[in-house]
Amino acid sequence: MTEIKNINKKKTITLQDVLSNYLWSKDFGKPYTFTQEGYNQFLLTTIKNVTLDGKNIGYLAISENANDIRSAIDERKSFILRTAIFVAIVIFIFSIVLNKYFLKPIKNLVTYTKIIKEKSRKKTNIDELKNRNDEIGTLSSSLDDMTNELQKRISHAENFSTDLVHEIRNPLTSLKSASEILNDTEDSTQRTKLINILNHDVQRIERLITDYSQMLKDEVALSKEKMRKINLKLIAKSVVDDFNNIYEAKRGIKIELIENDNLEECLINGIENRIEQIIANLLDNSISFSDDNQKVLVKIFKDSEKKTILKVVDEGKGFKEKSTDKIFNRFYSNRPDKFGEHSGLGLNIVKNLVDLHSATIKASNNINQKGANVEIIFPKV
């Protein structure tokens, strides 16, 4: 079927004109369709020749008012145009929202990471992003917390390295001086004394390096370990038994575990091997300051608020400082005479582990007797 549009407002096309064109067209013998459009009228006419015994005997023409078809076509065109405009507006609005609420904040986060990487002092708007109540705000908070934690760890490592170098320098200086004097002296008594100094300083350096390596291992391990409910009594009993087996025969020091009489378990949220490490370091510190044949008490009980308390009490020399918080600093200087056996890191490690368990620790001298006590208060489970 061939369709021809013939719109001519100045000249009226008659059916005879169409038939004449149809007769001589190459489409003769096929249905022939044309349209006529006038004022408020749209006509669709189809012509087909009629043959009988191979001869053309006439034509069949059918005309129909097709205004409804035209209206449908116009309506569809209008619908497509409106849809295209609506989609364009939606895409435009979405691009603005996407840029303002997603792309721009992500770009700010990238800028923030670059500032951190380059150690720049440029001001960031990370606080504004953290205040958002969506995934971007959560991501910003996590990124900022992670950055602060990393910076804290870096600062901690730098400070610790500085302190470690300072602590090692002292015994190294002593080693150097003693070795120079030892090479020149012939007095056997003085040589023995110098050898003892050398041995003492070597022990000190060895202990520093060992404890420092252990601290680094602990930091890695702590990030992988998880808290769980544990019974403090059972852990303390195990550590106390181990120390009694060593020091009761060696120095006559008796470690006694005192717990409340009831059968109530003293449960805490913690990491079992770290709690063992805390108790062991406290006992090691108390024994260092105690004379032979003295007693060390380990007390476990609950206070009125149902918080579990661990207290280690000794009969040693006590603390010289008025502010006992100093004893938890790295390389605490108030050490026993045989300080080659200790690095000055024990109580600092205890403090870090106590903080990890969201507990508090304090130290003081005994009021009515000589010696000192260290008390750890674990939060209520």
Protein backbone atom coordinates (compact mmCIF):
# COMPACT_ATOMS: atom_id res chain seq x y z
CA MET A 1 0.00 0.00 0.00
CA THR A 2 1.35 3.41 -0.96
CA GLU A 3 0.42 6.38 1.19
CA ILE A 4 0.57 9.92 -0.24
CA LYS A 5 -0.06 13.05 1.76
CA ASN A 6 -1.40 15.87 -0.37
CA ILE A 7 -2.04 19.01 1.60
CA ASN A 8 -2.86 22.01 -0.51
CA LYS A 9 -5.05 24.74 0.87
CA LYS A 10 -5.09 26.84 -2.32
CA LYS A 11 -6.17 24.16 -4.81
CA THR A 12 -8.83 21.54 -4.26
CA ILE A 13 -7.82 18.07 -5.48
CA THR A 14 -10.73 16.25 -7.10
CA LEU A 15 -11.25 12.51 -7.28
CA GLN A 16 -10.78 12.73 -11.05
CA ASP A 17 -7.29 14.19 -10.58
CA VAL A 18 -6.37 11.38 -8.20
CA LEU A 19 -7.71 8.73 -10.59
CA SER A 20 -5.75 10.26 -13.46
CA ASN A 21 -2.53 10.18 -11.45
CA TYR A 22 -3.29 6.66 -10.27
CA LEU A 23 -3.91 5.40 -13.80
CA TRP A 24 -0.44 6.43 -14.98
CA SER A 25 1.50 5.73 -11.81
CA LYS A 26 3.81 2.78 -11.36
CA ASP A 27 1.64 1.63 -8.46
CA PHE A 28 -1.36 1.01 -10.70
CA GLY A 29 -3.14 -2.14 -9.62
CA LYS A 30 -2.19 -1.68 -5.95
CA PRO A 31 -4.23 0.04 -3.26
CA TYR A 32 -3.57 3.78 -3.39
CA THR A 33 -4.07 5.95 -0.32
CA PHE A 34 -4.04 9.72 0.03
CA THR A 35 -5.08 12.23 2.65
CA GLN A 36 -6.87 15.54 2.49
CA GLU A 37 -6.77 18.04 5.35
CA GLY A 38 -9.19 20.90 5.63
CA TYR A 39 -10.53 23.08 8.40
CA ASN A 40 -11.25 20.81 11.35
CA GLN A 41 -11.34 17.84 9.00
CA PHE A 42 -8.89 15.08 8.10
CA LEU A 43 -9.99 12.70 5.29
CA LEU A 44 -8.34 9.42 4.44
CA THR A 45 -9.19 8.00 0.97
CA THR A 46 -8.18 4.64 -0.46
CA ILE A 47 -8.59 3.77 -4.18
CA LYS A 48 -8.34 0.36 -5.86
CA ASN A 49 -9.09 -0.54 -9.43
CA VAL A 50 -11.62 -3.31 -10.10
CA THR A 51 -10.83 -5.90 -12.80
CA LEU A 52 -12.94 -8.59 -14.44
CA ASP A 53 -11.41 -11.21 -16.73
CA GLY A 54 -8.19 -9.24 -16.72
CA LYS A 55 -9.91 -6.00 -17.78
CA ASN A 56 -10.24 -2.86 -15.72
CA ILE A 57 -13.96 -2.21 -15.35
CA GLY A 58 -13.81 0.61 -12.77
CA TYR A 59 -12.51 1.89 -9.46
CA LEU A 60 -13.47 1.52 -5.83
CA ALA A 61 -12.90 4.54 -3.60
CA ILE A 62 -13.46 4.58 0.15
CA SER A 63 -13.25 7.82 2.14
CA GLU A 64 -13.32 8.13 5.94
CA ASN A 65 -13.13 10.99 8.40
CA ALA A 66 -9.91 10.23 10.36
CA ASN A 67 -9.95 13.08 12.88
CA ASP A 68 -9.77 10.58 15.76
CA ILE A 69 -6.60 9.04 14.29
CA ARG A 70 -5.04 12.46 13.88
CA SER A 71 -5.99 13.37 17.46
CA ALA A 72 -4.45 10.15 18.73
CA ILE A 73 -1.24 10.85 16.84
CA ASP A 74 -1.08 14.43 18.13
CA GLU A 75 -1.81 13.25 21.67
CA ARG A 76 0.96 10.65 21.44
CA LYS A 77 3.42 13.28 20.18
CA SER A 78 2.42 15.58 23.03
CA PHE A 79 2.81 12.72 25.55
CA ILE A 80 6.29 11.88 24.27
CA LEU A 81 7.32 15.54 24.43
CA ARG A 82 5.99 15.97 27.99
CA THR A 83 7.70 12.74 29.06
CA ALA A 84 11.01 13.86 27.58
CA ILE A 85 10.76 17.23 29.37
CA PHE A 86 9.84 15.52 32.67
CA VAL A 87 12.76 13.05 32.38
CA ALA A 88 15.15 15.90 31.61
CA ILE A 89 13.95 17.83 34.70
CA VAL A 90 14.27 14.71 36.91
CA ILE A 91 17.80 14.03 35.63
CA PHE A 92 18.76 17.66 36.23
CA ILE A 93 17.39 17.66 39.80
CA PHE A 94 18.97 14.26 40.51
CA SER A 95 22.34 15.47 39.26
CA ILE A 96 22.13 18.51 41.59
CA VAL A 97 21.17 16.32 44.57
CA LEU A 98 23.82 13.73 43.69
CA ASN A 99 26.51 16.39 43.46
CA LYS A 100 25.50 18.22 46.64
CA TYR A 101 24.78 15.31 48.95
CA PHE A 102 27.06 12.58 47.61
CA LEU A 103 29.74 13.58 45.12
CA LYS A 104 30.81 16.75 46.92
CA PRO A 105 31.03 15.07 50.38
CA ILE A 106 33.01 12.18 48.87
CA LYS A 107 35.31 14.71 47.23
CA ASN A 108 35.74 16.40 50.63
CA LEU A 109 36.63 13.02 52.17
CA VAL A 110 39.23 12.46 49.46
CA THR A 111 40.63 15.94 50.17
CA TYR A 112 40.68 15.09 53.90
CA THR A 113 42.69 11.92 53.27
CA LYS A 114 45.14 13.84 51.10
CA ILE A 115 45.60 16.45 53.84
CA ILE A 116 46.31 13.67 56.34
CA LYS A 117 48.68 11.94 53.94
CA GLU A 118 50.60 15.12 53.18
CA LYS A 119 50.56 16.17 56.87
CA SER A 120 49.19 19.52 55.76
CA ARG A 121 47.73 22.05 58.18
CA LYS A 122 44.86 22.99 55.90
CA LYS A 123 41.49 23.25 57.57
CA THR A 124 39.04 20.45 56.81
CA ASN A 125 35.25 20.29 57.11
CA ILE A 126 35.20 16.73 58.40
CA ASP A 127 33.18 17.85 61.45
CA GLU A 128 30.35 19.01 59.19
CA LEU A 129 30.30 15.66 57.43
CA LYS A 130 30.31 13.79 60.76
CA ASN A 131 27.08 15.55 61.75
CA ARG A 132 25.17 14.01 58.83
CA ASN A 133 22.64 11.33 59.79
CA ASP A 134 23.37 9.04 56.86
CA GLU A 135 26.03 6.66 55.56
CA ILE A 136 28.30 9.56 54.60
CA GLY A 137 28.20 10.80 58.21
CA THR A 138 28.94 7.32 59.52
CA LEU A 139 31.81 6.91 57.07
CA SER A 140 33.21 10.33 57.99
CA SER A 141 33.06 9.53 61.72
CA SER A 142 34.76 6.17 61.19
CA LEU A 143 37.45 7.72 58.99
CA ASP A 144 38.10 10.52 61.49
CA ASP A 145 38.22 8.10 64.43
CA MET A 146 40.57 5.81 62.54
CA THR A 147 42.81 8.75 61.62
CA ASN A 148 42.92 10.02 65.20
CA GLU A 149 43.70 6.51 66.47
CA LEU A 150 46.51 6.10 63.93
CA GLN A 151 47.93 9.50 64.82
CA LYS A 152 47.74 8.58 68.49
CA ARG A 153 49.56 5.31 67.80
CA ILE A 154 52.21 7.07 65.73
CA SER A 155 52.71 9.68 68.44
CA HIS A 156 52.83 6.93 71.07
CA ALA A 157 55.41 4.99 69.05
CA GLU A 158 57.54 8.10 68.49
CA ASN A 159 57.46 9.05 72.17
CA PHE A 160 58.17 5.50 73.23
CA SER A 161 61.09 5.20 70.82
CA THR A 162 62.51 8.46 72.15
CA ASP A 163 62.19 7.25 75.74
CA LEU A 164 63.67 3.87 74.85
CA VAL A 165 66.70 5.47 73.20
CA HIS A 166 67.17 7.64 76.27
CA GLU A 167 66.92 4.66 78.62
CA ILE A 168 69.36 2.55 76.59
CA ARG A 169 71.86 5.41 76.35
CA ASN A 170 72.47 5.41 80.11
CA PRO A 171 73.53 1.74 80.44
CA LEU A 172 75.49 2.02 77.17
CA THR A 173 77.45 4.93 78.61
CA SER A 174 78.06 2.94 81.75
CA LEU A 175 79.12 -0.09 79.67
CA LYS A 176 81.56 2.00 77.69
CA SER A 177 83.12 3.56 80.80
CA ALA A 178 83.36 0.26 82.67
CA SER A 179 84.91 -1.54 79.70
CA GLU A 180 87.54 1.21 79.27
CA ILE A 181 88.45 1.10 82.99
CA LEU A 182 88.41 -2.71 83.00
CA ASN A 183 90.96 -2.77 80.22
CA ASP A 184 93.38 -0.61 82.23
CA THR A 185 92.94 -1.94 85.78
CA GLU A 186 94.81 -4.84 87.36
CA ASP A 187 93.07 -4.78 90.76
CA SER A 188 91.05 -8.00 91.03
CA THR A 189 88.51 -6.45 93.41
CA GLN A 190 87.88 -3.53 91.07
CA ARG A 191 87.74 -5.83 88.07
CA THR A 192 85.07 -7.92 89.80
CA LYS A 193 83.10 -4.80 90.57
CA LEU A 194 83.38 -3.60 86.97
CA ILE A 195 82.33 -7.00 85.65
CA ASN A 196 79.24 -6.84 87.87
CA ILE A 197 78.44 -3.40 86.44
CA LEU A 198 78.84 -4.73 82.92
CA ASN A 199 76.60 -7.69 83.68
CA HIS A 200 74.07 -5.41 85.33
CA ASP A 201 73.89 -3.03 82.36
CA VAL A 202 73.68 -5.84 79.83
CA GLN A 203 70.73 -7.29 81.75
CA ARG A 204 69.11 -3.86 81.74
CA ILE A 205 69.45 -3.43 77.98
CA GLU A 206 68.31 -6.99 77.32
CA ARG A 207 65.24 -6.49 79.50
CA LEU A 208 64.37 -3.20 77.79
CA ILE A 209 64.54 -4.74 74.33
CA THR A 210 62.59 -7.84 75.42
CA ASP A 211 59.78 -5.85 77.01
CA TYR A 212 59.67 -3.41 74.12
CA SER A 213 59.30 -6.29 71.66
CA GLN A 214 56.60 -7.80 73.85
CA MET A 215 54.68 -4.52 73.89
CA LEU A 216 54.72 -4.38 70.09
CA LYS A 217 53.46 -7.98 69.92
CA ASP A 218 50.76 -7.18 72.48
CA GLU A 219 49.47 -4.23 70.45
CA VAL A 220 49.06 -6.46 67.39
CA ALA A 221 47.44 -9.23 69.42
CA LEU A 222 45.03 -6.90 71.21
CA SER A 223 43.50 -5.80 67.91
CA LYS A 224 42.53 -9.44 67.21
CA GLU A 225 41.33 -10.48 70.67
CA LYS A 226 37.73 -10.12 71.83
CA MET A 227 36.24 -9.49 75.26
CA ARG A 228 34.13 -12.14 76.97
CA LYS A 229 32.80 -12.86 80.45
CA ILE A 230 35.49 -14.44 82.63
CA ASN A 231 35.79 -15.33 86.33
CA LEU A 232 38.50 -13.19 87.93
CA LYS A 233 38.82 -15.53 90.92
CA LEU A 234 39.89 -18.52 88.85
CA ILE A 235 42.44 -16.52 86.88
CA ALA A 236 43.93 -14.94 90.04
CA LYS A 237 44.18 -18.35 91.75
CA SER A 238 46.09 -19.78 88.78
CA VAL A 239 48.60 -16.89 88.73
CA VAL A 240 49.04 -16.90 92.52
CA ASP A 241 49.76 -20.65 92.53
CA ASP A 242 52.41 -20.20 89.83
CA PHE A 243 54.17 -17.40 91.74
CA ASN A 244 54.05 -19.33 95.02
CA ASN A 245 55.75 -22.28 93.36
CA ILE A 246 58.61 -19.97 92.34
CA TYR A 247 59.09 -17.45 95.16
CA GLU A 248 58.00 -19.34 98.27
CA ALA A 249 60.96 -21.69 97.99
CA LYS A 250 63.31 -19.16 96.41
CA ARG A 251 62.82 -16.18 98.75
CA GLY A 252 60.29 -17.31 101.32
CA ILE A 253 57.70 -14.86 99.97
CA LYS A 254 54.16 -16.13 100.43
CA ILE A 255 51.39 -14.85 98.17
CA GLU A 256 47.94 -15.24 99.68
CA LEU A 257 44.66 -14.97 97.76
CA ILE A 258 41.83 -13.49 99.81
CA GLU A 259 38.32 -13.57 98.37
CA ASN A 260 34.85 -13.03 99.77
CA ASP A 261 33.36 -16.04 101.50
CA ASN A 262 30.28 -16.44 99.35
CA LEU A 263 30.35 -18.56 96.25
CA GLU A 264 29.43 -15.70 93.96
CA GLU A 265 31.59 -15.55 90.86
CA CYS A 266 33.44 -12.29 90.24
CA LEU A 267 32.68 -11.97 86.54
CA ILE A 268 34.24 -9.28 84.41
CA ASN A 269 34.34 -8.52 80.69
CA GLY A 270 37.91 -9.12 79.64
CA ILE A 271 40.60 -11.04 77.80
CA GLU A 272 41.82 -13.91 79.97
CA ASN A 273 45.52 -13.90 79.08
CA ARG A 274 45.65 -10.08 79.48
CA ILE A 275 44.12 -10.30 82.95
CA GLU A 276 46.77 -12.89 83.80
CA GLN A 277 49.39 -10.47 82.52
CA ILE A 278 48.00 -7.67 84.71
CA ILE A 279 48.08 -9.80 87.89
CA ALA A 280 51.52 -11.22 87.07
CA ASN A 281 53.03 -7.75 86.51
CA LEU A 282 51.54 -6.44 89.76
CA LEU A 283 52.89 -9.41 91.71
CA ASP A 284 56.27 -9.08 90.01
CA ASN A 285 56.39 -5.41 91.01
CA SER A 286 55.37 -6.13 94.63
CA ILE A 287 57.93 -8.91 94.97
CA SER A 288 60.66 -6.61 93.58
CA PHE A 289 60.09 -4.15 96.43
CA SER A 290 59.61 -6.83 99.13
CA ASP A 291 62.22 -8.37 101.38
CA ASP A 292 62.59 -12.11 101.80
CA ASN A 293 60.02 -13.95 103.95
CA GLN A 294 57.42 -11.20 103.55
CA LYS A 295 53.82 -11.63 102.46
CA VAL A 296 51.88 -10.33 99.44
CA LEU A 297 48.08 -10.30 99.52
CA VAL A 298 45.80 -10.52 96.51
CA LYS A 299 42.25 -9.46 97.42
CA ILE A 300 39.18 -9.91 95.22
CA PHE A 301 35.78 -8.59 96.25
CA LYS A 302 32.78 -6.58 95.13
CA ASP A 303 31.88 -3.12 96.35
CA SER A 304 28.43 -1.75 97.12
CA GLU A 305 27.89 -0.99 93.44
CA LYS A 306 28.60 -4.60 92.46
CA LYS A 307 31.87 -3.61 90.77
CA THR A 308 34.65 -6.20 90.97
CA ILE A 309 37.84 -4.99 92.68
CA LEU A 310 41.30 -6.53 92.52
CA LYS A 311 43.82 -5.32 95.10
CA VAL A 312 47.48 -6.32 95.48
CA VAL A 313 49.02 -5.40 98.87
CA ASP A 314 52.68 -5.86 99.83
CA GLU A 315 54.91 -5.20 102.85
CA GLY A 316 57.74 -3.61 100.89
CA LYS A 317 59.23 -0.13 100.78
CA GLY A 318 56.18 1.63 99.41
CA PHE A 319 56.16 4.57 97.02
CA LYS A 320 58.37 7.61 97.56
CA GLU A 321 56.39 9.98 95.34
CA LYS A 322 53.48 11.96 96.71
CA SER A 323 51.75 11.60 93.36
CA THR A 324 51.58 7.86 92.82
CA ASP A 325 50.24 8.32 89.28
CA LYS A 326 53.88 8.67 88.20
CA ILE A 327 54.55 4.99 88.79
CA PHE A 328 52.45 4.11 85.73
CA ASN A 329 54.64 6.17 83.42
CA ARG A 330 57.08 4.46 81.10
CA PHE A 331 60.52 3.80 82.59
CA TYR A 332 59.43 4.73 86.11
CA SER A 333 62.64 5.73 87.90
CA ASN A 334 61.92 4.63 91.49
CA ARG A 335 63.17 1.07 91.02
CA PRO A 336 64.64 -1.51 93.38
CA ASP A 337 68.37 -1.97 93.63
CA LYS A 338 68.35 -4.90 91.22
CA PHE A 339 66.66 -2.86 88.53
CA GLY A 340 68.57 -4.78 85.83
CA GLU A 341 65.86 -7.40 86.26
CA HIS A 342 63.18 -4.86 85.30
CA SER A 343 62.66 -2.46 82.44
CA GLY A 344 60.39 0.10 84.11
CA LEU A 345 57.65 -0.89 81.68
CA GLY A 346 55.71 -3.36 83.85
CA LEU A 347 53.29 -0.92 85.48
CA ASN A 348 52.93 1.05 82.26
CA ILE A 349 51.85 -2.15 80.51
CA VAL A 350 49.40 -2.78 83.36
CA LYS A 351 47.95 0.72 82.96
CA ASN A 352 47.45 0.22 79.21
CA LEU A 353 45.76 -3.14 79.73
CA VAL A 354 43.53 -1.73 82.48
CA ASP A 355 42.45 1.07 80.15
CA LEU A 356 41.71 -1.53 77.48
CA HIS A 357 39.26 -3.20 79.88
CA SER A 358 37.56 0.15 80.68
CA ALA A 359 38.72 -0.22 84.27
CA THR A 360 40.51 2.21 86.59
CA ILE A 361 43.73 1.71 88.55
CA LYS A 362 45.21 3.59 91.49
CA ALA A 363 48.14 3.08 93.82
CA SER A 364 48.85 4.23 97.37
CA ASN A 365 50.92 3.44 100.44
CA ASN A 366 49.42 1.40 103.26
CA ILE A 367 48.18 3.60 106.11
CA ASN A 368 48.76 1.45 109.18
CA GLN A 369 51.74 -0.55 107.97
CA LYS A 370 54.62 -0.27 105.57
CA GLY A 371 54.27 -1.31 102.00
CA ALA A 372 51.99 -0.32 99.14
CA ASN A 373 48.83 -1.44 97.44
CA VAL A 374 47.52 -1.23 93.90
CA GLU A 375 43.78 -1.36 93.30
CA ILE A 376 41.95 -2.06 90.03
CA ILE A 377 38.22 -1.43 89.74
CA PHE A 378 36.51 -3.30 86.91
CA PRO A 379 33.16 -2.02 85.60
CA LYS A 380 29.97 -3.88 86.51
CA VAL A 381 29.08 -6.64 84.05
